[in-house]
Amino acid sequence: MHKNLRHDRVLVVDLELTCWDGLPPEGERPEIIEIGVAEIDLKRDEISRTISMLTRPTASRISPFCTDFTGITDEMVAADGISFETACQQLRKTYGSTSKLWVGWGSDDALFAAEVQAKGAVDPASHRYLDLCQIQEYVLAGGRRISLDEALKVMKLERAGTAHRALGDAIDTARLFLAWRERFGLGALPREHFD
């Protein structure tokens, strides 16, 4: 166990980035435009709170392809978007993100770290990350990489959120995490485990 981490809560984090049908236009790069978080309370084995933060891109534009893929539009980001730096502050202040294990589907930790560096933001990560996709690939799928949708089907879970939206994917990844805990007898650990 990592002494700096809380062991009663984890943050399931998912990202959506600007994207194109092919290479980005000259001078642009993939950039985070949505951060979805589903916090899991391990004492109760439930999702305790969620948030979607739209972040305004500064080094790219939201392409029509990106809008078709994610459903995120320029208008949505203009109306409700915040800076990436503000989102990082909110993760630290509201979610205590530096003291919690981050969980995700894929290498979103590396994408997040690259964005922190590119924008010079105060890093909200704990730098403890659990990639459920790798666990699925190496432990449960015999070395075959499968999608989040396939992993949900294996566990007989229907999609609860919208695919390719950060909050929907974070919630569904959290549900998968909780289903694994229940399946493997790890759920509802005794209270003294957390003291």
C-alpha atoms as a PDB file:
ATOM      1  CA  MET A   1       0.000   0.000   0.000  1.00  0.00           C
ATOM      2  CA  HIS A   2       1.120   3.525  -0.719  1.00  0.00           C
ATOM      3  CA  LYS A   3       1.247   5.518   2.506  1.00  0.00           C
ATOM      4  CA  ASN A   4       0.377   8.807   0.780  1.00  0.00           C
ATOM      5  CA  LEU A   5      -2.865   7.476  -0.688  1.00  0.00           C
ATOM      6  CA  ARG A   6      -6.284   7.271   0.861  1.00  0.00           C
ATOM      7  CA  HIS A   7      -7.489   3.696   0.748  1.00  0.00           C
ATOM      8  CA  ASP A   8     -11.193   4.416   1.120  1.00  0.00           C
ATOM      9  CA  ARG A   9     -11.714   6.265  -2.192  1.00  0.00           C
ATOM     10  CA  VAL A  10     -10.442   6.112  -5.758  1.00  0.00           C
ATOM     11  CA  LEU A  11     -10.967   8.437  -8.716  1.00  0.00           C
ATOM     12  CA  VAL A  12     -11.968   6.919 -12.038  1.00  0.00           C
ATOM     13  CA  VAL A  13     -10.856   9.420 -14.666  1.00  0.00           C
ATOM     14  CA  ASP A  14     -11.575   9.527 -18.389  1.00  0.00           C
ATOM     15  CA  LEU A  15     -10.578  12.077 -21.014  1.00  0.00           C
ATOM     16  CA  GLU A  16     -11.789  13.253 -24.392  1.00  0.00           C
ATOM     17  CA  LEU A  17      -9.354  15.013 -26.691  1.00  0.00           C
ATOM     18  CA  THR A  18      -9.589  17.000 -29.893  1.00  0.00           C
ATOM     19  CA  CYS A  19      -9.293  14.598 -32.807  1.00  0.00           C
ATOM     20  CA  TRP A  20      -9.415  14.487 -36.582  1.00  0.00           C
ATOM     21  CA  ASP A  21     -10.075  12.023 -39.370  1.00  0.00           C
ATOM     22  CA  GLY A  22      -6.351  11.623 -40.010  1.00  0.00           C
ATOM     23  CA  LEU A  23      -3.515  13.900 -38.909  1.00  0.00           C
ATOM     24  CA  PRO A  24      -4.194  17.151 -37.056  1.00  0.00           C
ATOM     25  CA  PRO A  25      -4.013  20.357 -39.090  1.00  0.00           C
ATOM     26  CA  GLU A  26      -0.613  22.018 -39.137  1.00  0.00           C
ATOM     27  CA  GLY A  27       0.124  23.740 -35.839  1.00  0.00           C
ATOM     28  CA  GLU A  28      -2.551  21.827 -33.905  1.00  0.00           C
ATOM     29  CA  ARG A  29      -2.243  18.867 -31.524  1.00  0.00           C
ATOM     30  CA  PRO A  30      -4.618  16.577 -29.639  1.00  0.00           C
ATOM     31  CA  GLU A  31      -5.749  18.439 -26.545  1.00  0.00           C
ATOM     32  CA  ILE A  32      -7.995  17.550 -23.607  1.00  0.00           C
ATOM     33  CA  ILE A  33     -11.503  18.972 -24.012  1.00  0.00           C
ATOM     34  CA  GLU A  34     -13.353  16.971 -21.365  1.00  0.00           C
ATOM     35  CA  ILE A  35     -12.385  15.404 -18.041  1.00  0.00           C
ATOM     36  CA  GLY A  36     -14.853  12.956 -16.537  1.00  0.00           C
ATOM     37  CA  VAL A  37     -14.519  11.763 -12.943  1.00  0.00           C
ATOM     38  CA  ALA A  38     -16.437   9.107 -11.035  1.00  0.00           C
ATOM     39  CA  GLU A  39     -15.306   8.837  -7.419  1.00  0.00           C
ATOM     40  CA  ILE A  40     -15.735   5.429  -5.795  1.00  0.00           C
ATOM     41  CA  ASP A  41     -16.340   5.056  -2.066  1.00  0.00           C
ATOM     42  CA  LEU A  42     -14.683   1.720  -1.241  1.00  0.00           C
ATOM     43  CA  LYS A  43     -16.360   1.497   2.162  1.00  0.00           C
ATOM     44  CA  ARG A  44     -19.754   1.337   0.485  1.00  0.00           C
ATOM     45  CA  ASP A  45     -18.661   0.005  -2.920  1.00  0.00           C
ATOM     46  CA  GLU A  46     -20.545   2.686  -4.778  1.00  0.00           C
ATOM     47  CA  ILE A  47     -19.978   5.711  -6.969  1.00  0.00           C
ATOM     48  CA  SER A  48     -20.223   8.604  -4.544  1.00  0.00           C
ATOM     49  CA  ARG A  49     -19.990  11.603  -6.883  1.00  0.00           C
ATOM     50  CA  THR A  50     -19.311  12.473 -10.494  1.00  0.00           C
ATOM     51  CA  ILE A  51     -18.340  15.466 -12.572  1.00  0.00           C
ATOM     52  CA  SER A  52     -17.780  16.379 -16.195  1.00  0.00           C
ATOM     53  CA  MET A  53     -15.504  19.326 -16.870  1.00  0.00           C
ATOM     54  CA  LEU A  54     -15.363  20.707 -20.395  1.00  0.00           C
ATOM     55  CA  THR A  55     -12.006  22.408 -20.979  1.00  0.00           C
ATOM     56  CA  ARG A  56     -11.309  25.050 -23.585  1.00  0.00           C
ATOM     57  CA  PRO A  57      -8.651  24.041 -26.116  1.00  0.00           C
ATOM     58  CA  THR A  58      -5.892  26.574 -26.766  1.00  0.00           C
ATOM     59  CA  ALA A  59      -3.715  24.677 -29.253  1.00  0.00           C
ATOM     60  CA  SER A  60      -6.400  23.096 -31.437  1.00  0.00           C
ATOM     61  CA  ARG A  61      -9.967  23.359 -32.662  1.00  0.00           C
ATOM     62  CA  ILE A  62     -12.843  20.943 -32.313  1.00  0.00           C
ATOM     63  CA  SER A  63     -13.173  19.378 -35.754  1.00  0.00           C
ATOM     64  CA  PRO A  64     -16.470  18.150 -37.255  1.00  0.00           C
ATOM     65  CA  PHE A  65     -15.015  14.627 -36.919  1.00  0.00           C
ATOM     66  CA  CYS A  66     -14.421  15.236 -33.197  1.00  0.00           C
ATOM     67  CA  THR A  67     -17.966  16.514 -32.729  1.00  0.00           C
ATOM     68  CA  ASP A  68     -19.368  13.452 -34.526  1.00  0.00           C
ATOM     69  CA  PHE A  69     -17.217  11.148 -32.378  1.00  0.00           C
ATOM     70  CA  THR A  70     -17.706  12.772 -28.946  1.00  0.00           C
ATOM     71  CA  GLY A  71     -20.789  14.941 -29.310  1.00  0.00           C
ATOM     72  CA  ILE A  72     -18.770  17.903 -27.993  1.00  0.00           C
ATOM     73  CA  THR A  73     -19.239  21.128 -29.961  1.00  0.00           C
ATOM     74  CA  ASP A  74     -17.475  24.487 -30.033  1.00  0.00           C
ATOM     75  CA  GLU A  75     -20.673  26.017 -28.658  1.00  0.00           C
ATOM     76  CA  MET A  76     -20.720  23.671 -25.654  1.00  0.00           C
ATOM     77  CA  VAL A  77     -17.123  24.463 -24.795  1.00  0.00           C
ATOM     78  CA  ALA A  78     -17.654  28.208 -25.307  1.00  0.00           C
ATOM     79  CA  ALA A  79     -20.693  28.175 -23.006  1.00  0.00           C
ATOM     80  CA  ASP A  80     -19.525  25.791 -20.265  1.00  0.00           C
ATOM     81  CA  GLY A  81     -15.799  25.272 -20.744  1.00  0.00           C
ATOM     82  CA  ILE A  82     -13.142  26.212 -18.232  1.00  0.00           C
ATOM     83  CA  SER A  83      -9.390  26.370 -18.641  1.00  0.00           C
ATOM     84  CA  PHE A  84      -7.445  23.148 -18.191  1.00  0.00           C
ATOM     85  CA  GLU A  85      -5.548  24.846 -15.375  1.00  0.00           C
ATOM     86  CA  THR A  86      -8.811  25.618 -13.547  1.00  0.00           C
ATOM     87  CA  ALA A  87      -9.929  22.006 -13.998  1.00  0.00           C
ATOM     88  CA  CYS A  88      -6.662  20.845 -12.401  1.00  0.00           C
ATOM     89  CA  GLN A  89      -7.252  23.166  -9.448  1.00  0.00           C
ATOM     90  CA  GLN A  90     -10.789  21.818  -9.053  1.00  0.00           C
ATOM     91  CA  LEU A  91      -9.515  18.216  -9.062  1.00  0.00           C
ATOM     92  CA  ARG A  92      -7.046  19.074  -6.298  1.00  0.00           C
ATOM     93  CA  LYS A  93      -9.395  21.182  -4.166  1.00  0.00           C
ATOM     94  CA  THR A  94     -12.750  19.426  -4.554  1.00  0.00           C
ATOM     95  CA  TYR A  95     -11.647  15.836  -5.151  1.00  0.00           C
ATOM     96  CA  GLY A  96      -8.367  15.632  -3.211  1.00  0.00           C
ATOM     97  CA  SER A  97      -6.897  14.109  -6.349  1.00  0.00           C
ATOM     98  CA  THR A  98      -3.275  14.061  -5.204  1.00  0.00           C
ATOM     99  CA  SER A  99      -4.092  11.615  -2.391  1.00  0.00           C
ATOM    100  CA  LYS A 100      -6.227   9.120  -4.318  1.00  0.00           C
ATOM    101  CA  LEU A 101      -5.491   6.287  -6.690  1.00  0.00           C
ATOM    102  CA  TRP A 102      -6.510   7.183 -10.254  1.00  0.00           C
ATOM    103  CA  VAL A 103      -8.190   4.429 -12.261  1.00  0.00           C
ATOM    104  CA  GLY A 104      -8.869   4.502 -15.989  1.00  0.00           C
ATOM    105  CA  TRP A 105      -9.381   2.525 -19.154  1.00  0.00           C
ATOM    106  CA  GLY A 106      -6.178   2.884 -21.186  1.00  0.00           C
ATOM    107  CA  SER A 107      -3.278   5.289 -20.871  1.00  0.00           C
ATOM    108  CA  ASP A 108      -5.188   8.432 -19.902  1.00  0.00           C
ATOM    109  CA  ASP A 109      -2.608   9.051 -17.165  1.00  0.00           C
ATOM    110  CA  ALA A 110       0.083   9.659 -19.793  1.00  0.00           C
ATOM    111  CA  LEU A 111      -2.223  11.913 -21.821  1.00  0.00           C
ATOM    112  CA  PHE A 112      -3.075  13.889 -18.687  1.00  0.00           C
ATOM    113  CA  ALA A 113       0.587  14.251 -17.696  1.00  0.00           C
ATOM    114  CA  ALA A 114       1.471  15.506 -21.189  1.00  0.00           C
ATOM    115  CA  GLU A 115      -1.286  18.146 -20.994  1.00  0.00           C
ATOM    116  CA  VAL A 116      -0.123  19.276 -17.547  1.00  0.00           C
ATOM    117  CA  GLN A 117       3.380  19.715 -18.946  1.00  0.00           C
ATOM    118  CA  ALA A 118       2.255  21.432 -22.157  1.00  0.00           C
ATOM    119  CA  LYS A 119       0.138  23.957 -20.260  1.00  0.00           C
ATOM    120  CA  GLY A 120       2.352  24.396 -17.202  1.00  0.00           C
ATOM    121  CA  ALA A 121      -0.562  23.523 -14.928  1.00  0.00           C
ATOM    122  CA  VAL A 122      -0.251  22.549 -11.269  1.00  0.00           C
ATOM    123  CA  ASP A 123      -0.347  18.754 -11.435  1.00  0.00           C
ATOM    124  CA  PRO A 124      -3.397  17.285  -9.651  1.00  0.00           C
ATOM    125  CA  ALA A 125      -2.399  13.642 -10.111  1.00  0.00           C
ATOM    126  CA  SER A 126      -1.282  11.277  -7.367  1.00  0.00           C
ATOM    127  CA  HIS A 127       0.923   9.468  -9.926  1.00  0.00           C
ATOM    128  CA  ARG A 128      -0.587   6.185  -8.819  1.00  0.00           C
ATOM    129  CA  TYR A 129      -2.638   4.855 -11.734  1.00  0.00           C
ATOM    130  CA  LEU A 130      -4.439   1.585 -12.347  1.00  0.00           C
ATOM    131  CA  ASP A 131      -5.157   0.798 -16.011  1.00  0.00           C
ATOM    132  CA  LEU A 132      -8.170  -1.525 -16.060  1.00  0.00           C
ATOM    133  CA  CYS A 133      -7.630  -2.148 -19.780  1.00  0.00           C
ATOM    134  CA  GLN A 134      -4.238  -3.721 -19.042  1.00  0.00           C
ATOM    135  CA  ILE A 135      -5.710  -5.848 -16.270  1.00  0.00           C
ATOM    136  CA  GLN A 136      -8.449  -7.019 -18.615  1.00  0.00           C
ATOM    137  CA  GLU A 137      -5.895  -7.734 -21.343  1.00  0.00           C
ATOM    138  CA  TYR A 138      -3.317  -9.602 -19.271  1.00  0.00           C
ATOM    139  CA  VAL A 139      -5.406 -11.239 -16.550  1.00  0.00           C
ATOM    140  CA  LEU A 140      -8.893 -11.764 -17.895  1.00  0.00           C
ATOM    141  CA  ALA A 141      -8.651 -11.823 -21.716  1.00  0.00           C
ATOM    142  CA  GLY A 142      -5.655 -14.043 -22.396  1.00  0.00           C
ATOM    143  CA  GLY A 143      -3.487 -11.258 -23.806  1.00  0.00           C
ATOM    144  CA  ARG A 144      -6.149  -9.879 -26.153  1.00  0.00           C
ATOM    145  CA  ARG A 145      -6.900  -6.181 -25.916  1.00  0.00           C
ATOM    146  CA  ILE A 146     -10.623  -5.500 -25.796  1.00  0.00           C
ATOM    147  CA  SER A 147     -12.714  -2.350 -25.675  1.00  0.00           C
ATOM    148  CA  LEU A 148     -14.550  -0.998 -22.664  1.00  0.00           C
ATOM    149  CA  ASP A 149     -17.824  -2.007 -24.327  1.00  0.00           C
ATOM    150  CA  GLU A 150     -16.587  -5.597 -24.685  1.00  0.00           C
ATOM    151  CA  ALA A 151     -15.395  -5.660 -21.062  1.00  0.00           C
ATOM    152  CA  LEU A 152     -18.809  -4.439 -19.903  1.00  0.00           C
ATOM    153  CA  LYS A 153     -20.504  -7.217 -21.916  1.00  0.00           C
ATOM    154  CA  VAL A 154     -18.212  -9.839 -20.355  1.00  0.00           C
ATOM    155  CA  MET A 155     -19.458  -8.678 -16.946  1.00  0.00           C
ATOM    156  CA  LYS A 156     -23.067  -8.541 -18.222  1.00  0.00           C
ATOM    157  CA  LEU A 157     -23.282  -4.775 -17.729  1.00  0.00           C
ATOM    158  CA  GLU A 158     -25.216  -2.457 -20.035  1.00  0.00           C
ATOM    159  CA  ARG A 159     -23.793   0.937 -20.880  1.00  0.00           C
ATOM    160  CA  ALA A 160     -24.987   3.491 -18.323  1.00  0.00           C
ATOM    161  CA  GLY A 161     -23.306   6.519 -19.877  1.00  0.00           C
ATOM    162  CA  THR A 162     -22.718   7.833 -23.361  1.00  0.00           C
ATOM    163  CA  ALA A 163     -19.725   6.239 -25.108  1.00  0.00           C
ATOM    164  CA  HIS A 164     -16.926   8.635 -26.049  1.00  0.00           C
ATOM    165  CA  ARG A 165     -18.005  11.203 -23.483  1.00  0.00           C
ATOM    166  CA  ALA A 166     -15.590  11.415 -20.585  1.00  0.00           C
ATOM    167  CA  LEU A 167     -18.214  11.268 -17.843  1.00  0.00           C
ATOM    168  CA  GLY A 168     -20.071   8.343 -19.416  1.00  0.00           C
ATOM    169  CA  ASP A 169     -16.864   6.387 -19.884  1.00  0.00           C
ATOM    170  CA  ALA A 170     -15.683   7.216 -16.340  1.00  0.00           C
ATOM    171  CA  ILE A 171     -18.974   6.008 -14.869  1.00  0.00           C
ATOM    172  CA  ASP A 172     -18.915   2.800 -16.910  1.00  0.00           C
ATOM    173  CA  THR A 173     -15.268   2.144 -16.014  1.00  0.00           C
ATOM    174  CA  ALA A 174     -16.188   2.666 -12.342  1.00  0.00           C
ATOM    175  CA  ARG A 175     -19.093   0.228 -12.691  1.00  0.00           C
ATOM    176  CA  LEU A 176     -16.729  -2.322 -14.237  1.00  0.00           C
ATOM    177  CA  PHE A 177     -14.265  -1.819 -11.357  1.00  0.00           C
ATOM    178  CA  LEU A 178     -17.051  -2.384  -8.826  1.00  0.00           C
ATOM    179  CA  ALA A 179     -18.299  -5.462 -10.707  1.00  0.00           C
ATOM    180  CA  TRP A 180     -14.795  -6.955 -10.614  1.00  0.00           C
ATOM    181  CA  ARG A 181     -14.583  -6.288  -6.859  1.00  0.00           C
ATOM    182  CA  GLU A 182     -17.873  -8.087  -6.349  1.00  0.00           C
ATOM    183  CA  ARG A 183     -17.005 -10.965  -8.697  1.00  0.00           C
ATOM    184  CA  PHE A 184     -13.647 -11.584  -7.042  1.00  0.00           C
ATOM    185  CA  GLY A 185     -14.912 -11.173  -3.495  1.00  0.00           C
ATOM    186  CA  LEU A 186     -13.156  -7.877  -2.786  1.00  0.00           C
ATOM    187  CA  GLY A 187     -16.190  -5.709  -2.170  1.00  0.00           C
ATOM    188  CA  ALA A 188     -17.297  -4.280   1.145  1.00  0.00           C
ATOM    189  CA  LEU A 189     -14.051  -4.757   3.036  1.00  0.00           C
ATOM    190  CA  PRO A 190     -14.429  -4.589   6.845  1.00  0.00           C
ATOM    191  CA  ARG A 191     -14.354  -1.088   8.329  1.00  0.00           C
ATOM    192  CA  GLU A 192     -11.115  -1.832  10.233  1.00  0.00           C
ATOM    193  CA  HIS A 193      -9.356  -2.244   6.865  1.00  0.00           C
ATOM    194  CA  PHE A 194      -9.697   1.523   6.350  1.00  0.00           C
ATOM    195  CA  ASP A 195      -8.656   2.654   9.843  1.00  0.00           C
END
